[in-house]
Amino acid sequence: MKISNRERSIFEHIAARYNCLREIRYNDPYNNVADIIQAIETYNRSIIWRTFEYISLAIQSIIYIFFGSIDNMSIGRYQLKVSHILSANSVKFTLSERKISFPQNRLPPMLLIFKSRNDRSILFWLMKLPKFNFLIKDIIDIDKLKYFIEEYSRTMPSDTGFTYWYVASELFRIGNGIPK
């Protein structure tokens, strides 16, 4: 695929971040995908943007007292959905569209959510769910990997060209030594 100079600059910036992350971690497909997601998401959402997300989450915890729900937003360096954080930590909740409520608790577990926002193990938990697990007996199923990335990034069917999947697949190829 041919990409523009701007897209190439973005890709090179994300690839540099990914290579820095990859150098400090054990090299396996789950870690590679987690590093890819972190590189893309930290490029897309600066620390300032994430700070506003945390402030929003704090405000929502106060609003919860009055309205009984919080937004199922994405937070942290991996942009984990609040519902994923809660599910991975076995917290009971109900999800209605984008609203999360806790029928058995008067207050939401905001401290747990905030503490888990950058927890890599939650991303691993998500990747290993049967509907997403792309690594079966040490063989990578590229179609399932693509499905996971597209669901994770909420890629629209009309998205073409320089997409989250394009960047992720190129970085995954580089990180796993897969030739083009």
C-alpha atoms as a PDB file:
ATOM      1  CA  MET A   1       0.000   0.000   0.000  1.00  0.00           C
ATOM      2  CA  LYS A   2       1.239   3.470  -0.823  1.00  0.00           C
ATOM      3  CA  ILE A   3       1.130   5.941   2.071  1.00  0.00           C
ATOM      4  CA  SER A   4       1.544   9.707   2.056  1.00  0.00           C
ATOM      5  CA  ASN A   5       4.548  11.513   3.522  1.00  0.00           C
ATOM      6  CA  ARG A   6       2.452  12.560   6.536  1.00  0.00           C
ATOM      7  CA  GLU A   7       1.334   8.960   7.100  1.00  0.00           C
ATOM      8  CA  ARG A   8       4.917   7.756   6.713  1.00  0.00           C
ATOM      9  CA  SER A   9       6.046  10.292   9.327  1.00  0.00           C
ATOM     10  CA  ILE A  10       3.318   9.100  11.724  1.00  0.00           C
ATOM     11  CA  PHE A  11       4.235   5.463  11.089  1.00  0.00           C
ATOM     12  CA  GLU A  12       7.945   6.130  11.683  1.00  0.00           C
ATOM     13  CA  HIS A  13       7.160   7.926  14.951  1.00  0.00           C
ATOM     14  CA  ILE A  14       4.982   5.027  16.167  1.00  0.00           C
ATOM     15  CA  ALA A  15       7.548   2.461  14.956  1.00  0.00           C
ATOM     16  CA  ALA A  16      10.308   4.218  16.911  1.00  0.00           C
ATOM     17  CA  ARG A  17       8.172   4.039  20.068  1.00  0.00           C
ATOM     18  CA  TYR A  18       7.383   0.406  19.389  1.00  0.00           C
ATOM     19  CA  ASN A  19      11.064  -0.475  18.891  1.00  0.00           C
ATOM     20  CA  CYS A  20      11.950   1.175  22.224  1.00  0.00           C
ATOM     21  CA  LEU A  21       9.227  -0.828  23.995  1.00  0.00           C
ATOM     22  CA  ARG A  22      10.147  -4.060  22.227  1.00  0.00           C
ATOM     23  CA  GLU A  23      13.779  -3.820  23.325  1.00  0.00           C
ATOM     24  CA  ILE A  24      12.872  -4.035  27.016  1.00  0.00           C
ATOM     25  CA  ARG A  25      10.367  -6.898  26.901  1.00  0.00           C
ATOM     26  CA  TYR A  26      10.397 -10.607  26.297  1.00  0.00           C
ATOM     27  CA  ASN A  27       9.631 -11.200  22.643  1.00  0.00           C
ATOM     28  CA  ASP A  28       6.394 -13.138  22.185  1.00  0.00           C
ATOM     29  CA  PRO A  29       3.255 -12.394  20.140  1.00  0.00           C
ATOM     30  CA  TYR A  30       1.116 -11.205  23.095  1.00  0.00           C
ATOM     31  CA  ASN A  31       3.824  -8.831  24.288  1.00  0.00           C
ATOM     32  CA  ASN A  32       4.380  -7.634  20.724  1.00  0.00           C
ATOM     33  CA  VAL A  33       0.686  -6.824  20.290  1.00  0.00           C
ATOM     34  CA  ALA A  34       0.595  -5.086  23.691  1.00  0.00           C
ATOM     35  CA  ASP A  35       3.649  -3.017  22.706  1.00  0.00           C
ATOM     36  CA  ILE A  36       2.047  -2.166  19.367  1.00  0.00           C
ATOM     37  CA  ILE A  37      -1.155  -1.031  21.058  1.00  0.00           C
ATOM     38  CA  GLN A  38       0.808   1.012  23.584  1.00  0.00           C
ATOM     39  CA  ALA A  39       2.883   2.655  20.830  1.00  0.00           C
ATOM     40  CA  ILE A  40      -0.198   3.536  18.762  1.00  0.00           C
ATOM     41  CA  GLU A  41      -2.314   4.675  21.701  1.00  0.00           C
ATOM     42  CA  THR A  42       0.395   6.802  23.309  1.00  0.00           C
ATOM     43  CA  TYR A  43       0.917   8.463  19.936  1.00  0.00           C
ATOM     44  CA  ASN A  44      -2.839   9.066  19.546  1.00  0.00           C
ATOM     45  CA  ARG A  45      -3.357  10.224  23.132  1.00  0.00           C
ATOM     46  CA  SER A  46      -0.654  12.273  24.811  1.00  0.00           C
ATOM     47  CA  ILE A  47      -0.154  12.356  28.571  1.00  0.00           C
ATOM     48  CA  ILE A  48      -2.167  15.588  28.654  1.00  0.00           C
ATOM     49  CA  TRP A  49      -5.106  13.904  26.906  1.00  0.00           C
ATOM     50  CA  ARG A  50      -4.901  10.933  29.284  1.00  0.00           C
ATOM     51  CA  THR A  51      -4.820  13.318  32.250  1.00  0.00           C
ATOM     52  CA  PHE A  52      -8.133  14.761  31.056  1.00  0.00           C
ATOM     53  CA  GLU A  53      -9.472  11.189  30.836  1.00  0.00           C
ATOM     54  CA  TYR A  54      -8.494  10.603  34.477  1.00  0.00           C
ATOM     55  CA  ILE A  55     -10.116  13.869  35.534  1.00  0.00           C
ATOM     56  CA  SER A  56     -13.258  12.846  33.636  1.00  0.00           C
ATOM     57  CA  LEU A  57     -13.232   9.497  35.412  1.00  0.00           C
ATOM     58  CA  ALA A  58     -12.938  11.237  38.797  1.00  0.00           C
ATOM     59  CA  ILE A  59     -15.852  13.531  37.928  1.00  0.00           C
ATOM     60  CA  GLN A  60     -17.891  10.518  36.827  1.00  0.00           C
ATOM     61  CA  SER A  61     -17.348   8.870  40.200  1.00  0.00           C
ATOM     62  CA  ILE A  62     -18.988  11.904  41.817  1.00  0.00           C
ATOM     63  CA  ILE A  63     -21.795  11.950  39.239  1.00  0.00           C
ATOM     64  CA  TYR A  64     -22.382   8.240  39.930  1.00  0.00           C
ATOM     65  CA  ILE A  65     -23.752   9.166  43.354  1.00  0.00           C
ATOM     66  CA  PHE A  66     -26.573  11.103  41.661  1.00  0.00           C
ATOM     67  CA  PHE A  67     -27.201   9.160  38.447  1.00  0.00           C
ATOM     68  CA  GLY A  68     -26.019   5.633  39.292  1.00  0.00           C
ATOM     69  CA  SER A  69     -23.819   5.022  36.252  1.00  0.00           C
ATOM     70  CA  ILE A  70     -20.458   5.847  34.726  1.00  0.00           C
ATOM     71  CA  ASP A  71     -19.377   5.942  31.095  1.00  0.00           C
ATOM     72  CA  ASN A  72     -17.638   2.891  29.636  1.00  0.00           C
ATOM     73  CA  MET A  73     -14.742   5.028  28.446  1.00  0.00           C
ATOM     74  CA  SER A  74     -11.264   3.906  27.409  1.00  0.00           C
ATOM     75  CA  ILE A  75      -8.424   4.968  29.676  1.00  0.00           C
ATOM     76  CA  GLY A  76      -4.694   4.555  30.177  1.00  0.00           C
ATOM     77  CA  ARG A  77      -1.771   3.874  27.909  1.00  0.00           C
ATOM     78  CA  TYR A  78      -3.545   0.842  26.383  1.00  0.00           C
ATOM     79  CA  GLN A  79      -6.907   2.618  26.209  1.00  0.00           C
ATOM     80  CA  LEU A  80      -8.592  -0.205  28.120  1.00  0.00           C
ATOM     81  CA  LYS A  81     -12.380  -0.018  28.357  1.00  0.00           C
ATOM     82  CA  VAL A  82     -13.630   0.340  31.926  1.00  0.00           C
ATOM     83  CA  SER A  83     -15.804  -2.755  31.345  1.00  0.00           C
ATOM     84  CA  HIS A  84     -12.701  -4.782  30.424  1.00  0.00           C
ATOM     85  CA  ILE A  85     -10.899  -3.621  33.565  1.00  0.00           C
ATOM     86  CA  LEU A  86     -13.898  -4.601  35.684  1.00  0.00           C
ATOM     87  CA  SER A  87     -14.393  -7.981  33.978  1.00  0.00           C
ATOM     88  CA  ALA A  88     -10.724  -8.894  34.273  1.00  0.00           C
ATOM     89  CA  ASN A  89     -10.903  -8.071  37.990  1.00  0.00           C
ATOM     90  CA  SER A  90     -14.145 -10.088  38.456  1.00  0.00           C
ATOM     91  CA  VAL A  91     -16.191  -7.044  39.492  1.00  0.00           C
ATOM     92  CA  LYS A  92     -19.946  -7.463  39.004  1.00  0.00           C
ATOM     93  CA  PHE A  93     -21.548  -4.700  36.951  1.00  0.00           C
ATOM     94  CA  THR A  94     -24.245  -4.128  34.368  1.00  0.00           C
ATOM     95  CA  LEU A  95     -23.588  -2.541  31.001  1.00  0.00           C
ATOM     96  CA  SER A  96     -26.334  -0.778  29.091  1.00  0.00           C
ATOM     97  CA  GLU A  97     -25.063   0.757  25.872  1.00  0.00           C
ATOM     98  CA  ARG A  98     -22.131   2.861  27.204  1.00  0.00           C
ATOM     99  CA  LYS A  99     -23.325   3.117  30.797  1.00  0.00           C
ATOM    100  CA  ILE A 100     -21.969   0.959  33.619  1.00  0.00           C
ATOM    101  CA  SER A 101     -23.751   0.544  36.929  1.00  0.00           C
ATOM    102  CA  PHE A 102     -23.006  -1.462  40.031  1.00  0.00           C
ATOM    103  CA  PRO A 103     -26.283  -2.824  41.417  1.00  0.00           C
ATOM    104  CA  GLN A 104     -24.662  -4.317  44.522  1.00  0.00           C
ATOM    105  CA  ASN A 105     -22.395  -1.378  45.361  1.00  0.00           C
ATOM    106  CA  ARG A 106     -23.298   2.109  46.425  1.00  0.00           C
ATOM    107  CA  LEU A 107     -20.029   3.460  45.004  1.00  0.00           C
ATOM    108  CA  PRO A 108     -18.117   2.417  41.882  1.00  0.00           C
ATOM    109  CA  PRO A 109     -14.681   0.813  42.359  1.00  0.00           C
ATOM    110  CA  MET A 110     -12.892   3.865  40.982  1.00  0.00           C
ATOM    111  CA  LEU A 111      -9.661   3.181  42.829  1.00  0.00           C
ATOM    112  CA  LEU A 112      -9.471  -0.282  41.224  1.00  0.00           C
ATOM    113  CA  ILE A 113     -10.258   1.191  37.796  1.00  0.00           C
ATOM    114  CA  PHE A 114      -7.638   3.902  38.164  1.00  0.00           C
ATOM    115  CA  LYS A 115      -5.023   1.495  39.561  1.00  0.00           C
ATOM    116  CA  SER A 116      -5.645  -0.984  36.704  1.00  0.00           C
ATOM    117  CA  ARG A 117      -5.724   1.548  33.848  1.00  0.00           C
ATOM    118  CA  ASN A 118      -2.209   0.616  32.647  1.00  0.00           C
ATOM    119  CA  ASP A 119      -2.256  -3.040  33.657  1.00  0.00           C
ATOM    120  CA  ARG A 120      -0.752  -5.075  30.824  1.00  0.00           C
ATOM    121  CA  SER A 121      -2.220  -8.297  32.241  1.00  0.00           C
ATOM    122  CA  ILE A 122      -5.738  -7.005  31.504  1.00  0.00           C
ATOM    123  CA  LEU A 123      -4.772  -6.588  27.867  1.00  0.00           C
ATOM    124  CA  PHE A 124      -3.362 -10.152  27.903  1.00  0.00           C
ATOM    125  CA  TRP A 125      -6.597 -11.389  29.510  1.00  0.00           C
ATOM    126  CA  LEU A 126      -8.557  -9.713  26.718  1.00  0.00           C
ATOM    127  CA  MET A 127      -6.314 -11.096  23.946  1.00  0.00           C
ATOM    128  CA  LYS A 128      -6.669 -14.626  25.353  1.00  0.00           C
ATOM    129  CA  LEU A 129     -10.466 -14.621  25.406  1.00  0.00           C
ATOM    130  CA  PRO A 130     -11.686 -17.385  23.045  1.00  0.00           C
ATOM    131  CA  LYS A 131     -13.200 -14.922  20.562  1.00  0.00           C
ATOM    132  CA  PHE A 132      -9.919 -12.978  20.275  1.00  0.00           C
ATOM    133  CA  ASN A 133      -7.134 -15.475  20.947  1.00  0.00           C
ATOM    134  CA  PHE A 134      -4.951 -15.360  17.841  1.00  0.00           C
ATOM    135  CA  LEU A 135      -2.233 -17.697  19.119  1.00  0.00           C
ATOM    136  CA  ILE A 136      -3.174 -21.374  18.991  1.00  0.00           C
ATOM    137  CA  LYS A 137      -0.411 -23.899  19.704  1.00  0.00           C
ATOM    138  CA  ASP A 138       2.271 -21.296  18.888  1.00  0.00           C
ATOM    139  CA  ILE A 139       0.702 -20.566  15.486  1.00  0.00           C
ATOM    140  CA  ILE A 140      -0.526 -17.035  14.819  1.00  0.00           C
ATOM    141  CA  ASP A 141      -3.925 -16.839  13.151  1.00  0.00           C
ATOM    142  CA  ILE A 142      -3.634 -13.547  11.244  1.00  0.00           C
ATOM    143  CA  ASP A 143      -7.406 -13.352  10.638  1.00  0.00           C
ATOM    144  CA  LYS A 144      -8.087 -13.570  14.394  1.00  0.00           C
ATOM    145  CA  LEU A 145      -5.317 -11.083  15.072  1.00  0.00           C
ATOM    146  CA  LYS A 146      -6.920  -8.695  12.584  1.00  0.00           C
ATOM    147  CA  TYR A 147     -10.325  -9.277  14.190  1.00  0.00           C
ATOM    148  CA  PHE A 148      -8.889  -8.496  17.631  1.00  0.00           C
ATOM    149  CA  ILE A 149      -7.140  -5.320  16.452  1.00  0.00           C
ATOM    150  CA  GLU A 150     -10.192  -4.098  14.559  1.00  0.00           C
ATOM    151  CA  GLU A 151     -12.516  -4.764  17.495  1.00  0.00           C
ATOM    152  CA  TYR A 152     -10.036  -3.245  19.946  1.00  0.00           C
ATOM    153  CA  SER A 153      -9.568  -0.112  17.885  1.00  0.00           C
ATOM    154  CA  ARG A 154     -13.246   0.056  16.887  1.00  0.00           C
ATOM    155  CA  THR A 155     -12.289   0.252  13.218  1.00  0.00           C
ATOM    156  CA  MET A 156     -15.231   1.031  10.979  1.00  0.00           C
ATOM    157  CA  PRO A 157     -15.907  -1.218   7.958  1.00  0.00           C
ATOM    158  CA  SER A 158     -15.498   1.821   5.698  1.00  0.00           C
ATOM    159  CA  ASP A 159     -11.984   2.536   7.020  1.00  0.00           C
ATOM    160  CA  THR A 160      -9.409   1.833   4.327  1.00  0.00           C
ATOM    161  CA  GLY A 161      -5.770   2.619   3.737  1.00  0.00           C
ATOM    162  CA  PHE A 162      -3.695   3.903   6.632  1.00  0.00           C
ATOM    163  CA  THR A 163      -5.725   2.278   9.417  1.00  0.00           C
ATOM    164  CA  TYR A 164      -5.002   1.005  12.917  1.00  0.00           C
ATOM    165  CA  TRP A 165      -4.794  -2.502  11.411  1.00  0.00           C
ATOM    166  CA  TYR A 166      -2.334  -1.367   8.725  1.00  0.00           C
ATOM    167  CA  VAL A 167       0.010   0.158  11.323  1.00  0.00           C
ATOM    168  CA  ALA A 168      -0.416  -2.781  13.732  1.00  0.00           C
ATOM    169  CA  SER A 169       0.153  -5.425  11.054  1.00  0.00           C
ATOM    170  CA  GLU A 170       3.294  -3.702   9.787  1.00  0.00           C
ATOM    171  CA  LEU A 171       4.692  -3.391  13.303  1.00  0.00           C
ATOM    172  CA  PHE A 172       3.697  -6.978  14.121  1.00  0.00           C
ATOM    173  CA  ARG A 173       5.484  -8.157  10.993  1.00  0.00           C
ATOM    174  CA  ILE A 174       8.603  -6.224  11.983  1.00  0.00           C
ATOM    175  CA  GLY A 175       8.469  -7.379  15.606  1.00  0.00           C
ATOM    176  CA  ASN A 176       8.035 -11.039  14.731  1.00  0.00           C
ATOM    177  CA  GLY A 177      10.470 -11.115  11.819  1.00  0.00           C
ATOM    178  CA  ILE A 178       7.734 -11.961   9.312  1.00  0.00           C
ATOM    179  CA  PRO A 179       8.750 -11.005   5.764  1.00  0.00           C
ATOM    180  CA  LYS A 180       6.396  -8.948   3.626  1.00  0.00           C
END
